[in-house]
């Protein structure tokens, strides 16, 4: 008998006699439509601070005997997963599941379901915005003017049209980023060992080609053991000294110590980061001292439409599992579950 079949039986046992269910949400309040969907199926919502430690999350899961966890932030460890024997599903408010122990979830027969493509447009828009902000020196010019300087007579800017955007990871977000860039005249080249060419973007399995030939390198790959510190000192040296790095994926894809050195020595021209290895980063992070670094607080997926789409899709996954319905298998992150 498959793990999913066992899950369905357990779900039905837990819902005997019309017992209500509960979900632990690790982060800010969900979009109204998602809350209404959960309420319609008598699923009580318990909120936890998104940056609560695993010990606190495990305590909340145990105290409330939750049937589901909807993950926005926080580390969902084995301790959290095993805290409630009623737990039947983990839904991610987004697509990245590096903060969820997939092995532990699989061992407990708990499906981990992602909100696929729900925030793709929002992240792509921020990636391109950061790229243009860096290339056009907006942050530096803004600081200069507000500081009483007027660098008009000395400033020479860069052209966007004709510049090459190198995309690392050509999934849904990478493809949308490429399409937006092409719309303003940029050339696009992508690195992805598992994707094919599409919509005017050539895809290569040679990361060195993308790094060495691009004016902007934009990261859109998931965080896996293979991509941890993918952008390290050696790969930063392969980039043009005039090039910029943009990261709207996961912070640990970039070796931040190596990036600091590359920015300080002007091995590359600049970087724009929306995610960091530790979040929130410490107040005295060395990167903050650099004028060629732009930082935003991991808000790529925080547009109104993206937040609504992620919340509703996540809530629907929870409803599907807790009511014994078939869920979208494409969303299953722990594919070892049969």
Protein backbone atom coordinates (compact mmCIF):
# COMPACT_ATOMS: atom_id res chain seq x y z
CA UNK A 1 0.00 0.00 0.00
CA UNK A 2 1.36 3.45 -0.92
CA UNK A 3 2.34 6.13 1.58
CA UNK A 4 -0.33 8.41 0.13
CA UNK A 5 -3.00 5.74 0.68
CA UNK A 6 -1.94 5.46 4.31
CA UNK A 7 -2.11 9.24 4.56
CA UNK A 8 -5.67 9.27 3.21
CA UNK A 9 -6.78 6.64 5.74
CA UNK A 10 -5.19 8.57 8.60
CA UNK A 11 -6.86 11.76 7.40
CA UNK A 12 -10.25 10.11 7.42
CA UNK A 13 -9.67 8.68 10.92
CA UNK A 14 -8.72 12.09 12.25
CA UNK A 15 -11.82 13.68 10.76
CA UNK A 16 -14.34 11.23 12.24
CA UNK A 17 -17.33 12.71 14.07
CA UNK A 18 -16.83 16.06 12.31
CA UNK A 19 -13.81 17.05 14.38
CA UNK A 20 -12.40 20.40 13.36
CA UNK A 21 -8.85 20.78 12.09
CA UNK A 22 -6.14 23.36 12.69
CA UNK A 23 -3.19 24.78 10.75
CA UNK A 24 -0.08 26.46 12.10
CA UNK A 25 0.93 29.40 9.89
CA UNK A 26 4.56 30.46 10.34
CA UNK A 27 4.46 34.11 9.41
CA UNK A 28 2.24 37.09 8.78
CA UNK A 29 -1.52 36.94 8.35
CA UNK A 30 -2.65 35.23 5.16
CA UNK A 31 -4.48 36.97 2.35
CA UNK A 32 -8.17 37.24 3.15
CA UNK A 33 -9.23 34.82 0.42
CA UNK A 34 -7.05 32.07 1.91
CA UNK A 35 -8.37 32.69 5.40
CA UNK A 36 -11.93 32.48 4.12
CA UNK A 37 -11.18 29.20 2.34
CA UNK A 38 -9.79 27.63 5.51
CA UNK A 39 -12.70 28.94 7.58
CA UNK A 40 -15.18 27.46 5.11
CA UNK A 41 -13.78 24.03 5.90
CA UNK A 42 -13.65 24.64 9.67
CA UNK A 43 -9.85 24.76 9.72
CA UNK A 44 -8.68 26.90 12.62
CA UNK A 45 -5.62 29.09 11.99
CA UNK A 46 -2.87 29.47 14.60
CA UNK A 47 -0.25 32.10 13.77
CA UNK A 48 3.40 32.01 14.82
CA UNK A 49 6.01 34.69 14.30
CA UNK A 50 7.79 33.84 11.06
CA UNK A 51 11.20 33.98 12.68
CA UNK A 52 10.30 31.83 15.68
CA UNK A 53 12.86 29.15 16.41
CA UNK A 54 12.11 25.50 15.73
CA UNK A 55 11.65 24.86 19.46
CA UNK A 56 8.86 27.45 19.65
CA UNK A 57 7.20 26.14 16.47
CA UNK A 58 7.34 22.58 17.80
CA UNK A 59 5.76 23.72 21.06
CA UNK A 60 2.92 25.46 19.22
CA UNK A 61 2.35 22.42 16.99
CA UNK A 62 2.19 20.17 20.05
CA UNK A 63 0.03 22.50 22.15
CA UNK A 64 -2.57 22.87 19.39
CA UNK A 65 -2.20 19.35 17.94
CA UNK A 66 -2.18 20.83 14.46
CA UNK A 67 -3.27 18.92 11.37
CA UNK A 68 -1.32 21.12 8.95
CA UNK A 69 1.55 23.59 8.79
CA UNK A 70 1.54 26.45 6.30
CA UNK A 71 5.14 27.58 6.00
CA UNK A 72 6.06 31.18 5.25
CA UNK A 73 9.28 31.53 7.28
CA UNK A 74 11.03 29.51 9.95
CA UNK A 75 12.82 26.17 9.97
CA UNK A 76 10.51 23.17 9.87
CA UNK A 77 12.71 20.52 11.42
CA UNK A 78 12.05 16.91 12.39
CA UNK A 79 11.18 18.14 15.87
CA UNK A 80 8.47 20.41 14.48
CA UNK A 81 7.15 17.73 12.14
CA UNK A 82 6.91 15.09 14.88
CA UNK A 83 5.42 17.44 17.48
CA UNK A 84 1.81 16.75 16.51
CA UNK A 85 0.69 13.19 15.75
CA UNK A 86 -2.25 14.69 13.89
CA UNK A 87 -0.05 16.43 11.31
CA UNK A 88 -1.06 15.40 7.79
CA UNK A 89 0.25 18.04 5.38
CA UNK A 90 2.84 20.80 5.08
CA UNK A 91 2.11 23.53 2.53
CA UNK A 92 4.75 26.05 1.45
CA UNK A 93 3.69 29.65 0.85
CA UNK A 94 6.00 29.76 -2.18
CA UNK A 95 8.12 27.29 -4.11
CA UNK A 96 11.41 27.02 -2.17
CA UNK A 97 11.41 24.24 0.43
CA UNK A 98 14.98 24.49 1.73
CA UNK A 99 13.64 25.43 5.18
CA UNK A 100 11.66 22.18 5.46
CA UNK A 101 13.22 18.84 6.39
CA UNK A 102 11.91 16.82 3.46
CA UNK A 103 13.48 13.61 4.75
CA UNK A 104 11.67 13.91 8.07
CA UNK A 105 8.39 14.76 6.34
CA UNK A 106 8.73 11.71 4.09
CA UNK A 107 9.56 9.47 7.07
CA UNK A 108 6.31 10.61 8.69
CA UNK A 109 4.37 10.20 5.40
CA UNK A 110 3.64 13.94 5.31
CA UNK A 111 3.35 15.46 1.82
CA UNK A 112 5.10 18.82 1.38
CA UNK A 113 3.21 20.81 -1.25
CA UNK A 114 4.56 23.92 -2.98
CA UNK A 115 2.69 26.90 -4.41
CA UNK A 116 4.04 26.52 -7.92
CA UNK A 117 4.41 29.63 -10.06
CA UNK A 118 2.28 31.71 -7.70
CA UNK A 119 4.91 34.41 -7.20
CA UNK A 120 6.85 34.01 -10.46
CA UNK A 121 5.84 37.30 -12.06
CA UNK A 122 6.45 39.28 -8.88
CA UNK A 123 9.96 37.85 -8.38
CA UNK A 124 10.82 38.35 -12.05
CA UNK A 125 9.75 41.98 -11.85
CA UNK A 126 11.93 42.62 -8.80
CA UNK A 127 14.90 40.84 -10.40
CA UNK A 128 14.74 43.11 -13.43
CA UNK A 129 14.11 46.19 -11.28
CA UNK A 130 17.22 45.44 -9.22
CA UNK A 131 19.24 44.81 -12.37
CA UNK A 132 18.24 48.14 -13.89
CA UNK A 133 18.73 50.00 -10.61
CA UNK A 134 22.28 48.64 -10.39
CA UNK A 135 23.19 49.22 -14.04
CA UNK A 136 21.83 52.77 -14.01
CA UNK A 137 23.58 53.61 -10.70
CA UNK A 138 20.28 54.76 -9.18
CA UNK A 139 21.33 54.09 -5.60
CA UNK A 140 24.68 55.87 -5.98
CA UNK A 141 23.16 58.87 -7.78
CA UNK A 142 20.36 59.13 -5.24
CA UNK A 143 22.89 59.19 -2.39
CA UNK A 144 25.04 61.77 -4.17
CA UNK A 145 22.21 64.20 -4.87
CA UNK A 146 20.75 63.90 -1.37
CA UNK A 147 24.25 64.48 0.00
CA UNK A 148 24.48 67.86 -1.73
CA UNK A 149 26.42 66.76 -4.83
CA UNK A 150 25.38 67.21 -8.45
CA UNK A 151 27.38 64.73 -10.61
CA UNK A 152 25.58 65.58 -13.86
CA UNK A 153 28.63 66.89 -15.72
CA UNK A 154 30.81 63.88 -14.87
CA UNK A 155 28.34 61.00 -15.00
CA UNK A 156 28.26 58.62 -18.00
CA UNK A 157 25.67 55.89 -17.76
CA UNK A 158 25.33 52.40 -19.21
CA UNK A 159 23.02 51.27 -21.99
CA UNK A 160 20.39 48.66 -21.18
CA UNK A 161 19.43 47.86 -24.77
CA UNK A 162 21.94 45.38 -26.14
CA UNK A 163 23.28 44.38 -22.72
CA UNK A 164 23.28 40.65 -21.91
CA UNK A 165 21.29 39.27 -19.00
CA UNK A 166 22.65 35.91 -17.88
CA UNK A 167 20.05 33.82 -16.07
CA UNK A 168 21.09 30.99 -13.75
CA UNK A 169 18.10 28.66 -13.45
CA UNK A 170 15.57 28.71 -16.28
CA UNK A 171 12.38 27.69 -14.52
CA UNK A 172 9.19 29.72 -14.48
CA UNK A 173 10.77 32.74 -12.75
CA UNK A 174 13.86 32.68 -14.95
CA UNK A 175 11.73 32.49 -18.09
CA UNK A 176 9.57 35.42 -17.01
CA UNK A 177 12.65 37.47 -16.15
CA UNK A 178 14.06 36.76 -19.62
CA UNK A 179 10.82 37.83 -21.29
CA UNK A 180 10.72 41.11 -19.36
CA UNK A 181 14.38 41.81 -20.20
CA UNK A 182 13.84 41.12 -23.89
CA UNK A 183 10.99 43.63 -23.84
CA UNK A 184 13.46 46.45 -23.15
CA UNK A 185 16.01 45.28 -25.69
CA UNK A 186 18.28 43.05 -23.63
CA UNK A 187 19.87 39.87 -24.92
CA UNK A 188 19.26 36.81 -22.73
CA UNK A 189 21.32 33.68 -22.13
CA UNK A 190 20.48 31.04 -19.52
CA UNK A 191 22.31 28.30 -17.68
CA UNK A 192 20.22 25.29 -16.71
CA UNK A 193 21.30 21.66 -17.10
CA UNK A 194 17.66 20.50 -17.16
CA UNK A 195 15.91 23.10 -19.34
CA UNK A 196 15.68 23.77 -23.05
CA UNK A 197 15.74 26.91 -25.19
CA UNK A 198 12.64 29.04 -25.11
CA UNK A 199 11.14 32.35 -26.24
CA UNK A 200 14.33 33.76 -27.70
CA UNK A 201 16.64 32.65 -24.89
CA UNK A 202 19.44 30.21 -25.61
CA UNK A 203 19.99 27.74 -22.79
CA UNK A 204 23.44 26.28 -22.16
CA UNK A 205 24.88 23.74 -19.77
CA UNK A 206 28.05 25.83 -19.49
CA UNK A 207 27.82 28.09 -16.43
CA UNK A 208 31.21 29.62 -17.24
CA UNK A 209 29.87 30.94 -20.55
CA UNK A 210 26.99 32.69 -18.82
CA UNK A 211 29.18 34.18 -16.10
CA UNK A 212 31.96 35.38 -18.38
CA UNK A 213 29.81 36.93 -21.11
CA UNK A 214 26.95 38.59 -19.19
CA UNK A 215 26.58 42.19 -18.11
CA UNK A 216 24.15 41.11 -15.40
CA UNK A 217 23.96 37.64 -13.82
CA UNK A 218 20.54 36.98 -12.26
CA UNK A 219 20.09 33.95 -9.99
CA UNK A 220 16.87 31.93 -10.16
CA UNK A 221 17.88 28.44 -9.01
CA UNK A 222 16.61 26.56 -5.94
CA UNK A 223 18.87 26.00 -2.96
CA UNK A 224 20.13 22.41 -3.02
CA UNK A 225 23.41 20.78 -1.92
CA UNK A 226 24.59 21.31 -5.51
CA UNK A 227 23.74 25.03 -5.60
CA UNK A 228 24.92 25.93 -2.08
CA UNK A 229 27.57 28.64 -2.60
CA UNK A 230 27.30 28.09 -6.35
CA UNK A 231 28.50 31.66 -6.74
CA UNK A 232 31.83 31.52 -4.93
CA UNK A 233 35.14 33.39 -5.24
CA UNK A 234 36.22 31.45 -8.32
CA UNK A 235 32.97 32.04 -10.16
CA UNK A 236 32.88 35.72 -9.22
CA UNK A 237 36.31 36.07 -10.81
CA UNK A 238 34.87 34.64 -14.04
CA UNK A 239 32.46 37.58 -14.32
CA UNK A 240 33.29 40.80 -16.11
CA UNK A 241 34.67 43.58 -13.88
CA UNK A 242 31.83 45.72 -15.26
CA UNK A 243 29.14 43.13 -14.48
CA UNK A 244 26.50 43.01 -11.72
CA UNK A 245 25.12 40.09 -9.71
CA UNK A 246 21.42 39.95 -8.80
CA UNK A 247 20.03 37.35 -6.37
CA UNK A 248 16.30 36.93 -5.87
CA UNK A 249 16.53 33.18 -5.22
CA UNK A 250 18.00 31.89 -1.94
CA UNK A 251 20.73 33.65 -0.01
CA UNK A 252 23.00 30.64 0.41
CA UNK A 253 23.37 30.26 -3.37
CA UNK A 254 25.95 33.05 -2.94
CA UNK A 255 29.02 32.85 -0.73
CA UNK A 256 28.58 36.21 1.01
CA UNK A 257 32.18 36.38 2.27
CA UNK A 258 33.44 35.87 -1.29
CA UNK A 259 30.96 38.44 -2.59
CA UNK A 260 32.16 40.99 -0.04
CA UNK A 261 35.73 40.54 -1.26
CA UNK A 262 34.67 40.75 -4.92
CA UNK A 263 32.73 43.97 -4.35
CA UNK A 264 35.38 45.57 -2.17
CA UNK A 265 38.15 44.79 -4.71
CA UNK A 266 35.87 45.71 -7.64
CA UNK A 267 36.27 42.25 -9.15
CA UNK A 268 32.67 42.91 -10.20
CA UNK A 269 30.93 46.27 -10.45
CA UNK A 270 28.13 45.63 -7.98
CA UNK A 271 25.44 43.37 -6.61
CA UNK A 272 21.78 43.53 -5.64
CA UNK A 273 20.48 41.00 -3.12
CA UNK A 274 16.92 40.23 -2.06
CA UNK A 275 17.88 37.20 0.06
CA UNK A 276 20.63 36.36 2.50
CA UNK A 277 22.22 33.34 4.13
CA UNK A 278 20.87 34.44 7.51
CA UNK A 279 17.54 36.26 7.66
CA UNK A 280 17.19 38.82 8.91
CA UNK A 281 20.90 39.61 8.46
CA UNK A 282 22.76 41.04 11.42
CA UNK A 283 22.86 44.82 11.72
CA UNK A 284 26.64 44.95 11.35
CA UNK A 285 26.85 42.76 8.25
CA UNK A 286 30.06 43.62 6.35
CA UNK A 287 28.12 44.05 3.09
CA UNK A 288 26.34 47.12 4.49
CA UNK A 289 29.59 49.10 4.33
CA UNK A 290 29.85 48.78 0.55
CA UNK A 291 28.47 51.51 -1.75
CA UNK A 292 28.12 49.04 -4.66
CA UNK A 293 25.67 46.75 -2.82
CA UNK A 294 21.87 47.14 -3.02
CA UNK A 295 19.77 45.19 -0.48
CA UNK A 296 16.06 44.47 -0.16
CA UNK A 297 14.42 42.33 2.58
CA UNK A 298 13.42 39.16 0.66
CA UNK A 299 10.31 40.76 -0.84
CA UNK A 300 10.45 39.36 -4.37
CA UNK A 301 7.22 37.47 -3.83
CA UNK A 302 5.50 40.18 -1.78
CA UNK A 303 3.32 41.83 -4.40
CA UNK A 304 -0.43 41.82 -3.77
CA UNK A 305 -1.17 39.30 -6.49
CA UNK A 306 1.70 37.00 -5.50
CA UNK A 307 0.73 37.00 -1.82
CA UNK A 308 -2.86 36.22 -2.72
CA UNK A 309 -1.91 33.47 -5.18
CA UNK A 310 0.54 31.80 -2.79
CA UNK A 311 -1.84 31.95 0.15
CA UNK A 312 -4.84 30.59 -1.75
CA UNK A 313 -2.85 27.82 -3.41
CA UNK A 314 -1.32 26.80 -0.07
CA UNK A 315 -4.68 26.85 1.66
CA UNK A 316 -6.21 24.78 -1.13
CA UNK A 317 -3.47 22.16 -0.73
CA UNK A 318 -4.31 21.91 2.96
CA UNK A 319 -8.03 21.65 2.30
CA UNK A 320 -7.46 18.95 -0.33
CA UNK A 321 -5.41 16.75 1.98
CA UNK A 322 -7.49 17.26 5.14
CA UNK A 323 -10.73 16.51 3.30
CA UNK A 324 -9.29 13.45 1.58
CA UNK A 325 -9.35 14.95 -1.90
CA UNK A 326 -6.75 14.42 -4.62
CA UNK A 327 -4.06 17.09 -4.58
CA UNK A 328 -1.95 18.36 -7.46
CA UNK A 329 0.99 15.92 -7.66
CA UNK A 330 3.10 18.49 -9.54
CA UNK A 331 3.27 20.44 -6.28
CA UNK A 332 4.72 17.53 -4.29
CA UNK A 333 8.24 18.38 -3.10
CA UNK A 334 9.08 15.10 -1.38
CA UNK A 335 8.65 12.97 -4.48
CA UNK A 336 9.69 9.83 -2.60
CA UNK A 337 6.10 9.60 -1.38
CA UNK A 338 4.34 7.22 -3.78
